[in-house]
Amino acid sequence: MSEVRERRANWWRVFGAPIVIGVLSLAGLLSALLAGDPGRYFAWFGVGLPIAIVVWAYCRK
């Protein structure tokens, strides 16, 4: 039973961050299309977050 829990925890460590980033990016794109002025600000955040993470990871190397 502990092996199953370990696999689930390992799966979340590997795929957790990309899933969260993808969901935030998708939410940003949808808010740009569907929401009015407040949606624009969240859209900039949601779409800019993956770019900022890539730049941060590149500079970290």
PDB file of N, CA and C in Angstrom:
ATOM      1  N   MET A   1       0.814  -1.199   0.000  1.00  0.00           N
ATOM      2  CA  MET A   1       0.000   0.000   0.000  1.00  0.00           C
ATOM      3  C   MET A   1       0.858   1.264   0.000  1.00  0.00           C
ATOM      4  N   SER A   2       1.972   1.243   0.689  1.00  0.00           N
ATOM      5  CA  SER A   2       2.818   2.429   0.734  1.00  0.00           C
ATOM      6  C   SER A   2       3.476   2.695  -0.616  1.00  0.00           C
ATOM      7  N   GLU A   3       3.652   1.628  -1.413  1.00  0.00           N
ATOM      8  CA  GLU A   3       4.238   1.812  -2.738  1.00  0.00           C
ATOM      9  C   GLU A   3       3.300   2.617  -3.643  1.00  0.00           C
ATOM     10  N   VAL A   4       2.012   2.398  -3.513  1.00  0.00           N
ATOM     11  CA  VAL A   4       1.031   3.141  -4.297  1.00  0.00           C
ATOM     12  C   VAL A   4       1.051   4.611  -3.890  1.00  0.00           C
ATOM     13  N   ARG A   5       1.124   4.881  -2.598  1.00  0.00           N
ATOM     14  CA  ARG A   5       1.186   6.268  -2.121  1.00  0.00           C
ATOM     15  C   ARG A   5       2.461   6.943  -2.595  1.00  0.00           C
ATOM     16  N   GLU A   6       3.543   6.203  -2.602  1.00  0.00           N
ATOM     17  CA  GLU A   6       4.820   6.763  -3.056  1.00  0.00           C
ATOM     18  C   GLU A   6       4.760   7.099  -4.539  1.00  0.00           C
ATOM     19  N   ARG A   7       4.137   6.250  -5.332  1.00  0.00           N
ATOM     20  CA  ARG A   7       3.996   6.528  -6.768  1.00  0.00           C
ATOM     21  C   ARG A   7       3.137   7.756  -7.014  1.00  0.00           C
ATOM     22  N   ARG A   8       2.056   7.884  -6.240  1.00  0.00           N
ATOM     23  CA  ARG A   8       1.193   9.057  -6.402  1.00  0.00           C
ATOM     24  C   ARG A   8       1.941  10.328  -6.029  1.00  0.00           C
ATOM     25  N   ALA A   9       2.685  10.292  -4.953  1.00  0.00           N
ATOM     26  CA  ALA A   9       3.450  11.466  -4.531  1.00  0.00           C
ATOM     27  C   ALA A   9       4.520  11.798  -5.563  1.00  0.00           C
ATOM     28  N   ASN A  10       5.170  10.797  -6.110  1.00  0.00           N
ATOM     29  CA  ASN A  10       6.187  11.018  -7.122  1.00  0.00           C
ATOM     30  C   ASN A  10       5.570  11.581  -8.400  1.00  0.00           C
ATOM     31  N   TRP A  11       4.391  11.096  -8.772  1.00  0.00           N
ATOM     32  CA  TRP A  11       3.706  11.608  -9.952  1.00  0.00           C
ATOM     33  C   TRP A  11       3.394  13.084  -9.783  1.00  0.00           C
ATOM     34  N   TRP A  12       2.917  13.483  -8.606  1.00  0.00           N
ATOM     35  CA  TRP A  12       2.574  14.880  -8.370  1.00  0.00           C
ATOM     36  C   TRP A  12       3.821  15.755  -8.389  1.00  0.00           C
ATOM     37  N   ARG A  13       4.943  15.255  -7.896  1.00  0.00           N
ATOM     38  CA  ARG A  13       6.189  16.027  -7.930  1.00  0.00           C
ATOM     39  C   ARG A  13       6.655  16.275  -9.357  1.00  0.00           C
ATOM     40  N   VAL A  14       6.437  15.307 -10.219  1.00  0.00           N
ATOM     41  CA  VAL A  14       6.894  15.444 -11.606  1.00  0.00           C
ATOM     42  C   VAL A  14       5.948  16.312 -12.427  1.00  0.00           C
ATOM     43  N   PHE A  15       4.665  16.067 -12.332  1.00  0.00           N
ATOM     44  CA  PHE A  15       3.698  16.728 -13.200  1.00  0.00           C
ATOM     45  C   PHE A  15       2.908  17.848 -12.530  1.00  0.00           C
ATOM     46  N   GLY A  16       3.113  18.094 -11.266  1.00  0.00           N
ATOM     47  CA  GLY A  16       2.321  19.087 -10.542  1.00  0.00           C
ATOM     48  C   GLY A  16       2.528  20.499 -11.043  1.00  0.00           C
ATOM     49  N   ALA A  17       3.760  20.932 -11.125  1.00  0.00           N
ATOM     50  CA  ALA A  17       4.053  22.311 -11.542  1.00  0.00           C
ATOM     51  C   ALA A  17       3.611  22.572 -12.984  1.00  0.00           C
ATOM     52  N   PRO A  18       3.889  21.691 -13.944  1.00  0.00           N
ATOM     53  CA  PRO A  18       3.404  21.960 -15.309  1.00  0.00           C
ATOM     54  C   PRO A  18       1.880  22.018 -15.415  1.00  0.00           C
ATOM     55  N   ILE A  19       1.192  21.207 -14.626  1.00  0.00           N
ATOM     56  CA  ILE A  19      -0.274  21.243 -14.655  1.00  0.00           C
ATOM     57  C   ILE A  19      -0.779  22.564 -14.101  1.00  0.00           C
ATOM     58  N   VAL A  20      -0.218  23.019 -12.997  1.00  0.00           N
ATOM     59  CA  VAL A  20      -0.646  24.289 -12.397  1.00  0.00           C
ATOM     60  C   VAL A  20      -0.344  25.448 -13.340  1.00  0.00           C
ATOM     61  N   ILE A  21       0.821  25.454 -13.951  1.00  0.00           N
ATOM     62  CA  ILE A  21       1.181  26.519 -14.888  1.00  0.00           C
ATOM     63  C   ILE A  21       0.246  26.497 -16.094  1.00  0.00           C
ATOM     64  N   GLY A  22      -0.058  25.319 -16.596  1.00  0.00           N
ATOM     65  CA  GLY A  22      -0.981  25.215 -17.736  1.00  0.00           C
ATOM     66  C   GLY A  22      -2.379  25.688 -17.402  1.00  0.00           C
ATOM     67  N   VAL A  23      -2.865  25.355 -16.226  1.00  0.00           N
ATOM     68  CA  VAL A  23      -4.202  25.794 -15.817  1.00  0.00           C
ATOM     69  C   VAL A  23      -4.240  27.315 -15.659  1.00  0.00           C
ATOM     70  N   LEU A  24      -3.201  27.896 -15.053  1.00  0.00           N
ATOM     71  CA  LEU A  24      -3.152  29.353 -14.914  1.00  0.00           C
ATOM     72  C   LEU A  24      -3.068  30.039 -16.274  1.00  0.00           C
ATOM     73  N   SER A  25      -2.303  29.465 -17.180  1.00  0.00           N
ATOM     74  CA  SER A  25      -2.189  30.035 -18.516  1.00  0.00           C
ATOM     75  C   SER A  25      -3.522  29.965 -19.254  1.00  0.00           C
ATOM     76  N   LEU A  26      -4.193  28.845 -19.161  1.00  0.00           N
ATOM     77  CA  LEU A  26      -5.502  28.692 -19.794  1.00  0.00           C
ATOM     78  C   LEU A  26      -6.517  29.651 -19.180  1.00  0.00           C
ATOM     79  N   ALA A  27      -6.483  29.804 -17.873  1.00  0.00           N
ATOM     80  CA  ALA A  27      -7.389  30.741 -17.208  1.00  0.00           C
ATOM     81  C   ALA A  27      -7.097  32.171 -17.661  1.00  0.00           C
ATOM     82  N   GLY A  28      -5.830  32.499 -17.846  1.00  0.00           N
ATOM     83  CA  GLY A  28      -5.485  33.827 -18.336  1.00  0.00           C
ATOM     84  C   GLY A  28      -5.998  34.071 -19.745  1.00  0.00           C
ATOM     85  N   LEU A  29      -5.860  33.087 -20.600  1.00  0.00           N
ATOM     86  CA  LEU A  29      -6.359  33.235 -21.971  1.00  0.00           C
ATOM     87  C   LEU A  29      -7.878  33.363 -22.006  1.00  0.00           C
ATOM     88  N   LEU A  30      -8.552  32.562 -21.203  1.00  0.00           N
ATOM     89  CA  LEU A  30     -10.010  32.643 -21.176  1.00  0.00           C
ATOM     90  C   LEU A  30     -10.493  33.953 -20.567  1.00  0.00           C
ATOM     91  N   SER A  31      -9.802  34.439 -19.555  1.00  0.00           N
ATOM     92  CA  SER A  31     -10.224  35.711 -18.962  1.00  0.00           C
ATOM     93  C   SER A  31     -10.004  36.864 -19.930  1.00  0.00           C
ATOM     94  N   ALA A  32      -8.995  36.759 -20.779  1.00  0.00           N
ATOM     95  CA  ALA A  32      -8.791  37.804 -21.784  1.00  0.00           C
ATOM     96  C   ALA A  32      -9.933  37.812 -22.799  1.00  0.00           C
ATOM     97  N   LEU A  33     -10.458  36.651 -23.090  1.00  0.00           N
ATOM     98  CA  LEU A  33     -11.548  36.574 -24.061  1.00  0.00           C
ATOM     99  C   LEU A  33     -12.911  36.885 -23.460  1.00  0.00           C
ATOM    100  N   LEU A  34     -13.141  36.419 -22.243  1.00  0.00           N
ATOM    101  CA  LEU A  34     -14.495  36.464 -21.695  1.00  0.00           C
ATOM    102  C   LEU A  34     -14.736  37.589 -20.699  1.00  0.00           C
ATOM    103  N   ALA A  35     -13.723  37.991 -19.967  1.00  0.00           N
ATOM    104  CA  ALA A  35     -13.917  39.019 -18.941  1.00  0.00           C
ATOM    105  C   ALA A  35     -13.647  40.394 -19.536  1.00  0.00           C
ATOM    106  N   GLY A  36     -14.110  41.386 -18.863  1.00  0.00           N
ATOM    107  CA  GLY A  36     -13.912  42.758 -19.335  1.00  0.00           C
ATOM    108  C   GLY A  36     -12.556  43.285 -18.915  1.00  0.00           C
ATOM    109  N   ASP A  37     -12.573  44.488 -18.386  1.00  0.00           N
ATOM    110  CA  ASP A  37     -11.317  45.136 -17.994  1.00  0.00           C
ATOM    111  C   ASP A  37     -10.572  44.401 -16.886  1.00  0.00           C
ATOM    112  N   PRO A  38     -11.236  43.888 -15.844  1.00  0.00           N
ATOM    113  CA  PRO A  38     -10.471  43.158 -14.817  1.00  0.00           C
ATOM    114  C   PRO A  38      -9.810  41.894 -15.381  1.00  0.00           C
ATOM    115  N   GLY A  39     -10.422  41.305 -16.379  1.00  0.00           N
ATOM    116  CA  GLY A  39      -9.859  40.103 -16.979  1.00  0.00           C
ATOM    117  C   GLY A  39      -8.556  40.357 -17.698  1.00  0.00           C
ATOM    118  N   ARG A  40      -8.379  41.573 -18.182  1.00  0.00           N
ATOM    119  CA  ARG A  40      -7.136  41.919 -18.877  1.00  0.00           C
ATOM    120  C   ARG A  40      -5.924  41.788 -17.961  1.00  0.00           C
ATOM    121  N   TYR A  41      -6.073  42.252 -16.738  1.00  0.00           N
ATOM    122  CA  TYR A  41      -4.946  42.209 -15.808  1.00  0.00           C
ATOM    123  C   TYR A  41      -4.596  40.775 -15.427  1.00  0.00           C
ATOM    124  N   PHE A  42      -5.613  39.960 -15.193  1.00  0.00           N
ATOM    125  CA  PHE A  42      -5.344  38.556 -14.903  1.00  0.00           C
ATOM    126  C   PHE A  42      -4.776  37.847 -16.121  1.00  0.00           C
ATOM    127  N   ALA A  43      -5.198  38.257 -17.305  1.00  0.00           N
ATOM    128  CA  ALA A  43      -4.672  37.654 -18.535  1.00  0.00           C
ATOM    129  C   ALA A  43      -3.179  37.922 -18.666  1.00  0.00           C
ATOM    130  N   TRP A  44      -2.757  39.148 -18.364  1.00  0.00           N
ATOM    131  CA  TRP A  44      -1.325  39.456 -18.413  1.00  0.00           C
ATOM    132  C   TRP A  44      -0.555  38.589 -17.430  1.00  0.00           C
ATOM    133  N   PHE A  45      -1.112  38.400 -16.254  1.00  0.00           N
ATOM    134  CA  PHE A  45      -0.459  37.554 -15.253  1.00  0.00           C
ATOM    135  C   PHE A  45      -0.428  36.097 -15.702  1.00  0.00           C
ATOM    136  N   GLY A  46      -1.577  35.588 -16.145  1.00  0.00           N
ATOM    137  CA  GLY A  46      -1.679  34.177 -16.515  1.00  0.00           C
ATOM    138  C   GLY A  46      -0.840  33.809 -17.723  1.00  0.00           C
ATOM    139  N   VAL A  47      -0.754  34.700 -18.698  1.00  0.00           N
ATOM    140  CA  VAL A  47       0.023  34.416 -19.902  1.00  0.00           C
ATOM    141  C   VAL A  47       1.508  34.727 -19.668  1.00  0.00           C
ATOM    142  N   GLY A  48       1.792  35.712 -18.837  1.00  0.00           N
ATOM    143  CA  GLY A  48       3.185  36.079 -18.573  1.00  0.00           C
ATOM    144  C   GLY A  48       3.893  35.166 -17.598  1.00  0.00           C
ATOM    145  N   LEU A  49       3.132  34.442 -16.787  1.00  0.00           N
ATOM    146  CA  LEU A  49       3.743  33.565 -15.784  1.00  0.00           C
ATOM    147  C   LEU A  49       4.628  32.481 -16.403  1.00  0.00           C
ATOM    148  N   PRO A  50       4.193  31.747 -17.418  1.00  0.00           N
ATOM    149  CA  PRO A  50       5.090  30.748 -18.002  1.00  0.00           C
ATOM    150  C   PRO A  50       6.356  31.354 -18.596  1.00  0.00           C
ATOM    151  N   ILE A  51       6.227  32.525 -19.177  1.00  0.00           N
ATOM    152  CA  ILE A  51       7.406  33.192 -19.739  1.00  0.00           C
ATOM    153  C   ILE A  51       8.375  33.567 -18.629  1.00  0.00           C
ATOM    154  N   ALA A  52       7.845  34.102 -17.539  1.00  0.00           N
ATOM    155  CA  ALA A  52       8.692  34.476 -16.403  1.00  0.00           C
ATOM    156  C   ALA A  52       9.378  33.261 -15.795  1.00  0.00           C
ATOM    157  N   ILE A  53       8.692  32.143 -15.727  1.00  0.00           N
ATOM    158  CA  ILE A  53       9.293  30.925 -15.169  1.00  0.00           C
ATOM    159  C   ILE A  53      10.406  30.412 -16.069  1.00  0.00           C
ATOM    160  N   VAL A  54      10.212  30.464 -17.376  1.00  0.00           N
ATOM    161  CA  VAL A  54      11.257  30.023 -18.305  1.00  0.00           C
ATOM    162  C   VAL A  54      12.484  30.921 -18.202  1.00  0.00           C
ATOM    163  N   VAL A  55      12.264  32.229 -18.132  1.00  0.00           N
ATOM    164  CA  VAL A  55      13.390  33.156 -18.002  1.00  0.00           C
ATOM    165  C   VAL A  55      14.127  32.919 -16.683  1.00  0.00           C
ATOM    166  N   TRP A  56      13.379  32.720 -15.617  1.00  0.00           N
ATOM    167  CA  TRP A  56      13.984  32.448 -14.301  1.00  0.00           C
ATOM    168  C   TRP A  56      14.819  31.164 -14.341  1.00  0.00           C
ATOM    169  N   ALA A  57      14.279  30.109 -14.941  1.00  0.00           N
ATOM    170  CA  ALA A  57      14.998  28.838 -15.016  1.00  0.00           C
ATOM    171  C   ALA A  57      16.244  28.963 -15.891  1.00  0.00           C
ATOM    172  N   TYR A  58      16.151  29.737 -16.974  1.00  0.00           N
ATOM    173  CA  TYR A  58      17.293  29.918 -17.862  1.00  0.00           C
ATOM    174  C   TYR A  58      18.399  30.705 -17.157  1.00  0.00           C
ATOM    175  N   CYS A  59      18.026  31.749 -16.447  1.00  0.00           N
ATOM    176  CA  CYS A  59      19.020  32.557 -15.738  1.00  0.00           C
ATOM    177  C   CYS A  59      19.631  31.808 -14.564  1.00  0.00           C
ATOM    178  N   ARG A  60      18.901  30.874 -14.013  1.00  0.00           N
ATOM    179  CA  ARG A  60      19.385  30.089 -12.879  1.00  0.00           C
ATOM    180  C   ARG A  60      20.515  29.155 -13.283  1.00  0.00           C
ATOM    181  N   LYS A  61      20.483  28.696 -14.522  1.00  0.00           N
ATOM    182  CA  LYS A  61      21.549  27.820 -15.019  1.00  0.00           C
ATOM    183  C   LYS A  61      22.774  28.652 -15.207  1.00  0.00           C
TER     184      LYS A  61
END
